[in-house]
Amino acid sequence: MTRSIPVIPPSRYTVGFLYVLAIGFSGFFVYLYVGSTDGLAPEKARAQLPGLFLMFGLLALAFSGIWFALHRRSLILTETELIFRTGFYGRTLLRSSLRPESALEVSLVDRRDLAPRWRTNGIGIPGFRAGWFRLRNNDKALVLLTDPFQVIYLPTTEGYVLLVSTTALLAALREPGAATTP
């Protein structure tokens, strides 16, 4: 039995933040181009256009990477394992390494000690965090956060915890017949 566990999608605020950031950087590059070509002959000004287009290309590449990371989020629960994918990060965990009896459904607004503090290898923009983080309680965590109000804190025997914006994972792990196989 393979089951896809729904993860809360990022808010419109997060997507809007990316659009504003992209437009802001584009405007900044145009401002630099106009400032650097002011008073130049038209031929010399056109010679700087490839540099401007290169910057637009690099900007598009960076934002498409962030867009990909924002939309690649999945939890797949099988009889023997949990497949965790977020952004550029992923892990396959045996169900026997998960500890659902110690798991918590929390709001990170109420439980600040479980909130991410330091990003060790991940992506962090307003409304979206993915990758490896150190929590305020000093736990190492693999994080997929899109909504701080509906979070599962799931310890593992691997030396880290999972911090995921979903409420369905814990229910699926605790279902009758969902016992781990040794």
N, C-alpha and C. Protein backbone atom coordinates (compact mmCIF):
# COMPACT_ATOMS: atom_id res chain seq x y z
N MET A 1 0.84 -1.18 0.00
CA MET A 1 0.00 0.00 0.00
C MET A 1 0.89 1.25 0.00
N THR A 2 0.76 2.07 -1.02
CA THR A 2 1.49 3.32 -1.11
C THR A 2 0.50 4.46 -0.98
N ARG A 3 0.85 5.40 -0.13
CA ARG A 3 -0.07 6.50 0.15
C ARG A 3 0.67 7.83 0.08
N SER A 4 0.10 8.76 -0.64
CA SER A 4 0.67 10.11 -0.72
C SER A 4 0.04 10.95 0.39
N ILE A 5 0.88 11.52 1.23
CA ILE A 5 0.42 12.34 2.34
C ILE A 5 0.43 13.80 1.88
N PRO A 6 -0.71 14.50 1.98
CA PRO A 6 -0.74 15.90 1.53
C PRO A 6 0.07 16.81 2.45
N VAL A 7 0.81 17.71 1.82
CA VAL A 7 1.57 18.73 2.53
C VAL A 7 0.90 20.07 2.23
N ILE A 8 0.81 20.91 3.23
CA ILE A 8 0.17 22.21 3.07
C ILE A 8 0.96 23.03 2.05
N PRO A 9 0.31 23.56 1.00
CA PRO A 9 1.04 24.35 0.00
C PRO A 9 1.48 25.70 0.56
N PRO A 10 2.51 26.29 -0.03
CA PRO A 10 2.94 27.62 0.41
C PRO A 10 1.82 28.65 0.21
N SER A 11 1.83 29.66 1.03
CA SER A 11 0.79 30.69 0.95
C SER A 11 1.01 31.60 -0.25
N ARG A 12 -0.01 32.37 -0.57
CA ARG A 12 0.11 33.36 -1.64
C ARG A 12 1.12 34.43 -1.27
N TYR A 13 1.29 34.66 0.01
CA TYR A 13 2.29 35.62 0.48
C TYR A 13 3.70 35.20 0.05
N THR A 14 3.99 33.92 0.16
CA THR A 14 5.31 33.41 -0.22
C THR A 14 5.54 33.58 -1.71
N VAL A 15 4.56 33.19 -2.51
CA VAL A 15 4.67 33.32 -3.97
C VAL A 15 4.76 34.79 -4.36
N GLY A 16 3.96 35.64 -3.72
CA GLY A 16 4.02 37.08 -3.99
C GLY A 16 5.36 37.67 -3.63
N PHE A 17 5.95 37.20 -2.53
CA PHE A 17 7.28 37.66 -2.13
C PHE A 17 8.30 37.35 -3.22
N LEU A 18 8.22 36.17 -3.82
CA LEU A 18 9.15 35.82 -4.90
C LEU A 18 8.96 36.73 -6.11
N TYR A 19 7.72 37.03 -6.46
CA TYR A 19 7.46 37.93 -7.58
C TYR A 19 8.01 39.32 -7.31
N VAL A 20 7.77 39.84 -6.13
CA VAL A 20 8.27 41.17 -5.78
C VAL A 20 9.79 41.20 -5.81
N LEU A 21 10.41 40.14 -5.28
CA LEU A 21 11.87 40.06 -5.28
C LEU A 21 12.42 40.02 -6.71
N ALA A 22 11.80 39.24 -7.58
CA ALA A 22 12.26 39.14 -8.98
C ALA A 22 12.10 40.48 -9.70
N ILE A 23 10.97 41.14 -9.49
CA ILE A 23 10.75 42.45 -10.12
C ILE A 23 11.72 43.47 -9.57
N GLY A 24 11.98 43.41 -8.28
CA GLY A 24 12.93 44.34 -7.66
C GLY A 24 14.34 44.18 -8.22
N PHE A 25 14.80 42.93 -8.34
CA PHE A 25 16.13 42.70 -8.91
C PHE A 25 16.18 43.11 -10.37
N SER A 26 15.13 42.83 -11.13
CA SER A 26 15.10 43.23 -12.54
C SER A 26 15.18 44.75 -12.66
N GLY A 27 14.41 45.45 -11.85
CA GLY A 27 14.47 46.92 -11.86
C GLY A 27 15.84 47.44 -11.48
N PHE A 28 16.49 46.79 -10.52
CA PHE A 28 17.83 47.20 -10.11
C PHE A 28 18.82 47.02 -11.25
N PHE A 29 18.73 45.90 -11.99
CA PHE A 29 19.64 45.67 -13.12
C PHE A 29 19.41 46.70 -14.22
N VAL A 30 18.15 47.04 -14.49
CA VAL A 30 17.85 48.07 -15.50
C VAL A 30 18.39 49.41 -15.03
N TYR A 31 18.24 49.72 -13.75
CA TYR A 31 18.77 50.96 -13.20
C TYR A 31 20.30 51.03 -13.38
N LEU A 32 20.98 49.92 -13.10
CA LEU A 32 22.44 49.90 -13.29
C LEU A 32 22.82 50.09 -14.75
N TYR A 33 22.06 49.45 -15.65
CA TYR A 33 22.34 49.57 -17.07
C TYR A 33 22.14 51.01 -17.53
N VAL A 34 21.03 51.62 -17.16
CA VAL A 34 20.75 53.00 -17.57
C VAL A 34 21.81 53.94 -16.99
N GLY A 35 22.19 53.72 -15.76
CA GLY A 35 23.20 54.56 -15.13
C GLY A 35 24.56 54.42 -15.78
N SER A 36 24.89 53.20 -16.22
CA SER A 36 26.21 52.99 -16.81
C SER A 36 26.28 53.42 -18.27
N THR A 37 25.14 53.55 -18.94
CA THR A 37 25.15 53.94 -20.34
C THR A 37 24.80 55.41 -20.54
N ASP A 38 24.53 56.12 -19.47
CA ASP A 38 24.16 57.53 -19.56
C ASP A 38 25.34 58.32 -20.14
N GLY A 39 25.10 58.98 -21.23
CA GLY A 39 26.13 59.81 -21.87
C GLY A 39 27.01 59.05 -22.85
N LEU A 40 26.78 57.75 -23.03
CA LEU A 40 27.57 56.99 -23.99
C LEU A 40 26.95 57.07 -25.37
N ALA A 41 27.77 56.83 -26.35
CA ALA A 41 27.27 56.75 -27.73
C ALA A 41 26.35 55.53 -27.83
N PRO A 42 25.34 55.60 -28.71
CA PRO A 42 24.40 54.47 -28.84
C PRO A 42 25.07 53.13 -29.13
N GLU A 43 26.18 53.15 -29.89
CA GLU A 43 26.88 51.89 -30.21
C GLU A 43 27.48 51.27 -28.95
N LYS A 44 28.07 52.10 -28.10
CA LYS A 44 28.67 51.61 -26.86
C LYS A 44 27.59 51.18 -25.87
N ALA A 45 26.47 51.86 -25.86
CA ALA A 45 25.37 51.47 -24.97
C ALA A 45 24.82 50.11 -25.38
N ARG A 46 24.70 49.87 -26.70
CA ARG A 46 24.22 48.57 -27.17
C ARG A 46 25.23 47.47 -26.86
N ALA A 47 26.49 47.80 -26.78
CA ALA A 47 27.51 46.79 -26.48
C ALA A 47 27.35 46.25 -25.06
N GLN A 48 26.68 47.00 -24.18
CA GLN A 48 26.48 46.54 -22.81
C GLN A 48 25.19 45.74 -22.63
N LEU A 49 24.36 45.68 -23.67
CA LEU A 49 23.11 44.93 -23.59
C LEU A 49 23.31 43.43 -23.30
N PRO A 50 24.33 42.76 -23.90
CA PRO A 50 24.51 41.34 -23.56
C PRO A 50 24.75 41.11 -22.06
N GLY A 51 25.41 42.03 -21.41
CA GLY A 51 25.62 41.91 -19.97
C GLY A 51 24.30 42.00 -19.20
N LEU A 52 23.43 42.91 -19.64
CA LEU A 52 22.12 43.03 -19.01
C LEU A 52 21.30 41.75 -19.22
N PHE A 53 21.31 41.22 -20.44
CA PHE A 53 20.57 39.99 -20.71
C PHE A 53 21.15 38.80 -19.96
N LEU A 54 22.46 38.78 -19.78
CA LEU A 54 23.09 37.73 -18.98
C LEU A 54 22.61 37.79 -17.54
N MET A 55 22.52 38.99 -16.99
CA MET A 55 22.03 39.14 -15.61
C MET A 55 20.58 38.71 -15.50
N PHE A 56 19.76 39.05 -16.50
CA PHE A 56 18.36 38.60 -16.50
C PHE A 56 18.29 37.06 -16.56
N GLY A 57 19.16 36.46 -17.36
CA GLY A 57 19.20 35.00 -17.46
C GLY A 57 19.59 34.34 -16.15
N LEU A 58 20.61 34.90 -15.49
CA LEU A 58 21.03 34.36 -14.19
C LEU A 58 19.93 34.54 -13.14
N LEU A 59 19.26 35.67 -13.19
CA LEU A 59 18.15 35.92 -12.28
C LEU A 59 17.02 34.91 -12.52
N ALA A 60 16.69 34.67 -13.78
CA ALA A 60 15.65 33.70 -14.11
C ALA A 60 16.05 32.30 -13.66
N LEU A 61 17.31 31.95 -13.81
CA LEU A 61 17.79 30.64 -13.37
C LEU A 61 17.68 30.49 -11.85
N ALA A 62 18.08 31.52 -11.12
CA ALA A 62 18.00 31.46 -9.66
C ALA A 62 16.56 31.35 -9.19
N PHE A 63 15.67 32.15 -9.76
CA PHE A 63 14.29 32.12 -9.32
C PHE A 63 13.56 30.86 -9.78
N SER A 64 13.96 30.30 -10.90
CA SER A 64 13.33 29.03 -11.31
C SER A 64 13.78 27.91 -10.38
N GLY A 65 15.00 27.96 -9.87
CA GLY A 65 15.45 26.99 -8.87
C GLY A 65 14.64 27.10 -7.59
N ILE A 66 14.39 28.32 -7.14
CA ILE A 66 13.58 28.52 -5.94
C ILE A 66 12.14 28.09 -6.20
N TRP A 67 11.62 28.39 -7.38
CA TRP A 67 10.26 27.99 -7.74
C TRP A 67 10.13 26.47 -7.73
N PHE A 68 11.14 25.78 -8.29
CA PHE A 68 11.16 24.32 -8.28
C PHE A 68 11.14 23.79 -6.85
N ALA A 69 11.99 24.37 -6.01
CA ALA A 69 12.05 23.92 -4.61
C ALA A 69 10.73 24.16 -3.90
N LEU A 70 10.07 25.25 -4.21
CA LEU A 70 8.80 25.59 -3.59
C LEU A 70 7.70 24.60 -3.95
N HIS A 71 7.76 24.07 -5.16
CA HIS A 71 6.69 23.19 -5.63
C HIS A 71 7.03 21.70 -5.53
N ARG A 72 8.24 21.35 -5.20
CA ARG A 72 8.60 19.94 -5.02
C ARG A 72 8.51 19.63 -3.53
N ARG A 73 7.39 19.11 -3.14
CA ARG A 73 7.18 18.74 -1.75
C ARG A 73 6.25 17.54 -1.72
N SER A 74 6.74 16.46 -1.17
CA SER A 74 5.89 15.27 -1.10
C SER A 74 6.32 14.37 0.04
N LEU A 75 5.34 13.67 0.56
CA LEU A 75 5.54 12.62 1.54
C LEU A 75 4.82 11.40 1.01
N ILE A 76 5.55 10.31 0.85
CA ILE A 76 4.96 9.07 0.35
C ILE A 76 5.20 8.00 1.41
N LEU A 77 4.11 7.44 1.89
CA LEU A 77 4.17 6.44 2.94
C LEU A 77 3.84 5.08 2.34
N THR A 78 4.78 4.15 2.46
CA THR A 78 4.55 2.78 2.02
C THR A 78 4.48 1.89 3.26
N GLU A 79 4.36 0.61 3.04
CA GLU A 79 4.29 -0.32 4.17
C GLU A 79 5.60 -0.38 4.93
N THR A 80 6.71 -0.09 4.26
CA THR A 80 8.02 -0.25 4.90
C THR A 80 8.81 1.04 5.05
N GLU A 81 8.40 2.12 4.36
CA GLU A 81 9.23 3.32 4.41
C GLU A 81 8.41 4.60 4.21
N LEU A 82 9.06 5.70 4.56
CA LEU A 82 8.53 7.04 4.33
C LEU A 82 9.51 7.75 3.41
N ILE A 83 9.01 8.19 2.28
CA ILE A 83 9.85 8.93 1.32
C ILE A 83 9.52 10.41 1.48
N PHE A 84 10.52 11.18 1.83
CA PHE A 84 10.40 12.60 2.15
C PHE A 84 11.13 13.37 1.07
N ARG A 85 10.42 14.23 0.34
CA ARG A 85 11.04 15.05 -0.71
C ARG A 85 10.63 16.50 -0.53
N THR A 86 11.62 17.35 -0.52
CA THR A 86 11.35 18.78 -0.44
C THR A 86 12.48 19.53 -1.12
N GLY A 87 12.13 20.40 -2.04
CA GLY A 87 13.15 21.21 -2.71
C GLY A 87 14.24 20.34 -3.30
N PHE A 88 15.46 20.61 -2.90
CA PHE A 88 16.61 19.85 -3.38
C PHE A 88 17.00 18.75 -2.40
N TYR A 89 16.16 18.50 -1.42
CA TYR A 89 16.47 17.58 -0.34
C TYR A 89 15.49 16.43 -0.33
N GLY A 90 15.95 15.29 0.07
CA GLY A 90 15.08 14.13 0.15
C GLY A 90 15.72 13.07 1.01
N ARG A 91 14.89 12.22 1.54
CA ARG A 91 15.35 11.14 2.40
C ARG A 91 14.34 10.01 2.31
N THR A 92 14.81 8.80 2.37
CA THR A 92 13.95 7.64 2.50
C THR A 92 14.24 7.02 3.86
N LEU A 93 13.20 6.97 4.69
CA LEU A 93 13.34 6.45 6.05
C LEU A 93 12.54 5.17 6.19
N LEU A 94 13.11 4.20 6.85
CA LEU A 94 12.35 3.01 7.19
C LEU A 94 11.30 3.37 8.22
N ARG A 95 10.12 2.76 8.11
CA ARG A 95 9.07 3.06 9.09
C ARG A 95 9.50 2.66 10.49
N SER A 96 10.36 1.67 10.58
CA SER A 96 10.83 1.24 11.90
C SER A 96 11.72 2.30 12.55
N SER A 97 12.26 3.23 11.77
CA SER A 97 13.10 4.28 12.35
C SER A 97 12.29 5.50 12.80
N LEU A 98 11.00 5.52 12.49
CA LEU A 98 10.12 6.62 12.90
C LEU A 98 9.57 6.33 14.30
N ARG A 99 9.36 7.37 15.08
CA ARG A 99 8.83 7.21 16.43
C ARG A 99 7.53 8.00 16.58
N PRO A 100 6.43 7.50 16.00
CA PRO A 100 5.17 8.24 16.06
C PRO A 100 4.60 8.37 17.47
N GLU A 101 5.00 7.48 18.39
CA GLU A 101 4.52 7.59 19.76
C GLU A 101 5.08 8.83 20.46
N SER A 102 6.21 9.35 19.98
CA SER A 102 6.82 10.56 20.54
C SER A 102 6.52 11.81 19.72
N ALA A 103 5.74 11.65 18.66
CA ALA A 103 5.46 12.77 17.76
C ALA A 103 4.48 13.74 18.39
N LEU A 104 4.55 14.97 17.90
CA LEU A 104 3.67 16.03 18.39
C LEU A 104 3.05 16.78 17.22
N GLU A 105 1.78 17.15 17.38
CA GLU A 105 1.15 18.10 16.46
C GLU A 105 1.21 19.44 17.16
N VAL A 106 1.94 20.39 16.59
CA VAL A 106 2.17 21.66 17.28
C VAL A 106 1.96 22.85 16.35
N SER A 107 1.86 23.99 16.98
CA SER A 107 1.94 25.28 16.30
C SER A 107 3.28 25.87 16.74
N LEU A 108 4.10 26.23 15.79
CA LEU A 108 5.41 26.77 16.14
C LEU A 108 5.31 28.16 16.76
N VAL A 109 4.14 28.76 16.66
CA VAL A 109 3.92 30.04 17.32
C VAL A 109 3.80 29.80 18.83
N ASP A 110 3.17 28.68 19.20
CA ASP A 110 3.02 28.34 20.61
C ASP A 110 4.25 27.62 21.18
N ARG A 111 4.87 26.77 20.38
CA ARG A 111 6.03 25.99 20.82
C ARG A 111 7.29 26.49 20.12
N ARG A 112 7.77 27.65 20.54
CA ARG A 112 8.94 28.28 19.91
C ARG A 112 10.19 27.43 20.06
N ASP A 113 10.25 26.57 21.07
CA ASP A 113 11.43 25.74 21.27
C ASP A 113 11.62 24.71 20.15
N LEU A 114 10.57 24.41 19.39
CA LEU A 114 10.65 23.46 18.28
C LEU A 114 10.81 24.14 16.92
N ALA A 115 10.89 25.45 16.91
CA ALA A 115 11.02 26.19 15.66
C ALA A 115 12.46 26.16 15.14
N PRO A 116 12.64 26.20 13.83
CA PRO A 116 14.00 26.25 13.27
C PRO A 116 14.73 27.52 13.70
N ARG A 117 16.00 27.35 14.04
CA ARG A 117 16.80 28.49 14.46
C ARG A 117 17.92 28.77 13.46
N TRP A 118 18.71 27.75 13.15
CA TRP A 118 19.85 27.92 12.24
C TRP A 118 19.66 27.04 11.02
N ARG A 119 19.82 27.62 9.86
CA ARG A 119 19.79 26.85 8.62
C ARG A 119 21.19 26.32 8.38
N THR A 120 21.35 25.01 8.37
CA THR A 120 22.67 24.43 8.14
C THR A 120 22.87 24.07 6.67
N ASN A 121 21.80 23.66 5.99
CA ASN A 121 21.85 23.37 4.56
C ASN A 121 20.42 23.35 4.05
N GLY A 122 19.91 24.48 3.67
CA GLY A 122 18.52 24.53 3.26
C GLY A 122 18.14 25.84 2.62
N ILE A 123 16.85 25.96 2.38
CA ILE A 123 16.28 27.16 1.77
C ILE A 123 15.37 27.80 2.79
N GLY A 124 15.48 29.09 2.94
CA GLY A 124 14.61 29.81 3.86
C GLY A 124 14.17 31.14 3.27
N ILE A 125 12.91 31.22 2.93
CA ILE A 125 12.31 32.48 2.50
C ILE A 125 11.04 32.65 3.33
N PRO A 126 10.50 33.84 3.41
CA PRO A 126 9.29 34.02 4.21
C PRO A 126 8.17 33.07 3.77
N GLY A 127 7.70 32.25 4.69
CA GLY A 127 6.62 31.33 4.41
C GLY A 127 7.05 29.97 3.89
N PHE A 128 8.35 29.73 3.74
CA PHE A 128 8.82 28.44 3.24
C PHE A 128 10.22 28.17 3.76
N ARG A 129 10.37 27.02 4.38
CA ARG A 129 11.69 26.54 4.82
C ARG A 129 11.79 25.08 4.45
N ALA A 130 12.91 24.71 3.86
CA ALA A 130 13.13 23.33 3.46
C ALA A 130 14.61 22.99 3.58
N GLY A 131 14.89 21.79 4.05
CA GLY A 131 16.27 21.33 4.16
C GLY A 131 16.63 21.02 5.60
N TRP A 132 17.92 21.14 5.88
CA TRP A 132 18.46 20.81 7.20
C TRP A 132 18.58 22.07 8.04
N PHE A 133 18.03 21.98 9.24
CA PHE A 133 18.03 23.10 10.18
C PHE A 133 18.39 22.59 11.56
N ARG A 134 18.83 23.51 12.40
CA ARG A 134 19.01 23.25 13.82
C ARG A 134 17.87 23.96 14.52
N LEU A 135 17.12 23.24 15.35
CA LEU A 135 15.98 23.84 16.04
C LEU A 135 16.44 24.61 17.27
N ARG A 136 15.54 25.39 17.85
CA ARG A 136 15.85 26.17 19.04
C ARG A 136 16.21 25.28 20.23
N ASN A 137 15.66 24.06 20.27
CA ASN A 137 16.01 23.13 21.34
C ASN A 137 17.28 22.34 21.01
N ASN A 138 17.97 22.72 19.94
CA ASN A 138 19.24 22.17 19.47
C ASN A 138 19.11 20.82 18.77
N ASP A 139 17.90 20.36 18.45
CA ASP A 139 17.72 19.15 17.66
C ASP A 139 18.10 19.42 16.22
N LYS A 140 18.67 18.42 15.56
CA LYS A 140 18.91 18.48 14.13
C LYS A 140 17.61 18.06 13.45
N ALA A 141 17.18 18.79 12.40
CA ALA A 141 15.89 18.51 11.79
C ALA A 141 15.93 18.61 10.28
N LEU A 142 15.21 17.70 9.64
CA LEU A 142 14.92 17.80 8.22
C LEU A 142 13.55 18.45 8.13
N VAL A 143 13.49 19.62 7.51
CA VAL A 143 12.34 20.52 7.62
C VAL A 143 11.65 20.70 6.28
N LEU A 144 10.32 20.73 6.34
CA LEU A 144 9.47 21.16 5.23
C LEU A 144 8.33 21.96 5.85
N LEU A 145 8.54 23.28 5.94
CA LEU A 145 7.56 24.16 6.60
C LEU A 145 6.96 25.13 5.60
N THR A 146 5.64 25.09 5.51
CA THR A 146 4.90 26.06 4.71
C THR A 146 3.86 26.78 5.55
N ASP A 147 3.51 26.20 6.68
CA ASP A 147 2.51 26.78 7.58
C ASP A 147 2.95 26.52 9.02
N PRO A 148 3.32 27.54 9.78
CA PRO A 148 3.83 27.31 11.13
C PRO A 148 2.74 26.92 12.14
N PHE A 149 1.48 26.95 11.74
CA PHE A 149 0.40 26.65 12.67
C PHE A 149 0.02 25.16 12.68
N GLN A 150 0.35 24.43 11.63
CA GLN A 150 0.01 23.00 11.53
C GLN A 150 1.28 22.22 11.21
N VAL A 151 1.97 21.80 12.25
CA VAL A 151 3.28 21.18 12.08
C VAL A 151 3.32 19.86 12.85
N ILE A 152 3.96 18.87 12.24
CA ILE A 152 4.22 17.60 12.89
C ILE A 152 5.71 17.57 13.25
N TYR A 153 5.98 17.30 14.52
CA TYR A 153 7.34 17.10 15.02
C TYR A 153 7.49 15.61 15.22
N LEU A 154 8.26 14.95 14.35
CA LEU A 154 8.37 13.49 14.36
C LEU A 154 9.81 13.05 14.59
N PRO A 155 10.12 12.57 15.80
CA PRO A 155 11.47 12.08 16.07
C PRO A 155 11.76 10.78 15.29
N THR A 156 13.03 10.57 15.01
CA THR A 156 13.46 9.33 14.36
C THR A 156 14.60 8.73 15.18
N THR A 157 14.95 7.51 14.85
CA THR A 157 16.10 6.87 15.50
C THR A 157 17.39 7.15 14.73
N GLU A 158 17.31 8.00 13.70
CA GLU A 158 18.46 8.32 12.85
C GLU A 158 19.30 9.48 13.38
N GLY A 159 18.87 10.09 14.48
CA GLY A 159 19.63 11.21 15.04
C GLY A 159 19.10 12.57 14.66
N TYR A 160 17.94 12.61 14.06
CA TYR A 160 17.32 13.89 13.70
C TYR A 160 15.81 13.73 13.77
N VAL A 161 15.11 14.85 13.65
CA VAL A 161 13.65 14.83 13.66
C VAL A 161 13.14 15.35 12.32
N LEU A 162 11.90 15.02 12.01
CA LEU A 162 11.22 15.58 10.84
C LEU A 162 10.28 16.66 11.34
N LEU A 163 10.30 17.80 10.70
CA LEU A 163 9.40 18.91 11.03
C LEU A 163 8.67 19.25 9.73
N VAL A 164 7.38 18.87 9.67
CA VAL A 164 6.63 18.94 8.41
C VAL A 164 5.30 19.64 8.61
N SER A 165 4.92 20.48 7.65
CA SER A 165 3.62 21.16 7.68
C SER A 165 2.54 20.25 7.09
N THR A 166 2.06 19.36 7.91
CA THR A 166 0.96 18.47 7.55
C THR A 166 0.36 17.94 8.84
N THR A 167 -0.88 17.54 8.78
CA THR A 167 -1.47 16.88 9.93
C THR A 167 -1.83 15.44 9.59
N ALA A 168 -1.77 15.09 8.32
CA ALA A 168 -2.18 13.76 7.87
C ALA A 168 -1.12 12.69 8.13
N LEU A 169 0.14 13.07 8.24
CA LEU A 169 1.20 12.08 8.41
C LEU A 169 1.05 11.33 9.72
N LEU A 170 0.86 12.03 10.77
CA LEU A 170 0.75 11.40 12.09
C LEU A 170 -0.46 10.48 12.15
N ALA A 171 -1.57 10.90 11.58
CA ALA A 171 -2.77 10.06 11.55
C ALA A 171 -2.52 8.79 10.74
N ALA A 172 -1.81 8.91 9.63
CA ALA A 172 -1.51 7.74 8.80
C ALA A 172 -0.57 6.77 9.51
N LEU A 173 0.40 7.30 10.25
CA LEU A 173 1.33 6.43 10.98
C LEU A 173 0.67 5.73 12.16
N ARG A 174 -0.34 6.36 12.75
CA ARG A 174 -1.00 5.79 13.93
C ARG A 174 -2.23 4.96 13.60
N GLU A 175 -2.55 4.83 12.32
CA GLU A 175 -3.73 4.02 11.93
C GLU A 175 -3.55 2.58 12.35
N PRO A 176 -4.67 1.90 12.68
CA PRO A 176 -4.57 0.47 12.95
C PRO A 176 -4.08 -0.25 11.69
N GLY A 177 -3.20 -1.17 11.87
CA GLY A 177 -2.62 -1.88 10.73
C GLY A 177 -1.44 -1.16 10.14
N ALA A 178 -1.03 -0.03 10.73
CA ALA A 178 0.11 0.71 10.23
C ALA A 178 1.34 0.45 11.09
N ALA A 179 1.35 -0.68 11.75
CA ALA A 179 2.48 -1.02 12.62
C ALA A 179 3.73 -1.17 11.79
N THR A 180 4.84 -0.80 12.38
CA THR A 180 6.11 -0.91 11.68
C THR A 180 6.54 -2.36 11.62
N THR A 181 7.25 -2.69 10.57
CA THR A 181 7.78 -4.04 10.43
C THR A 181 9.25 -4.02 10.79
N PRO A 182 9.68 -4.95 11.62
CA PRO A 182 11.09 -4.93 12.05
C PRO A 182 12.03 -5.31 10.95
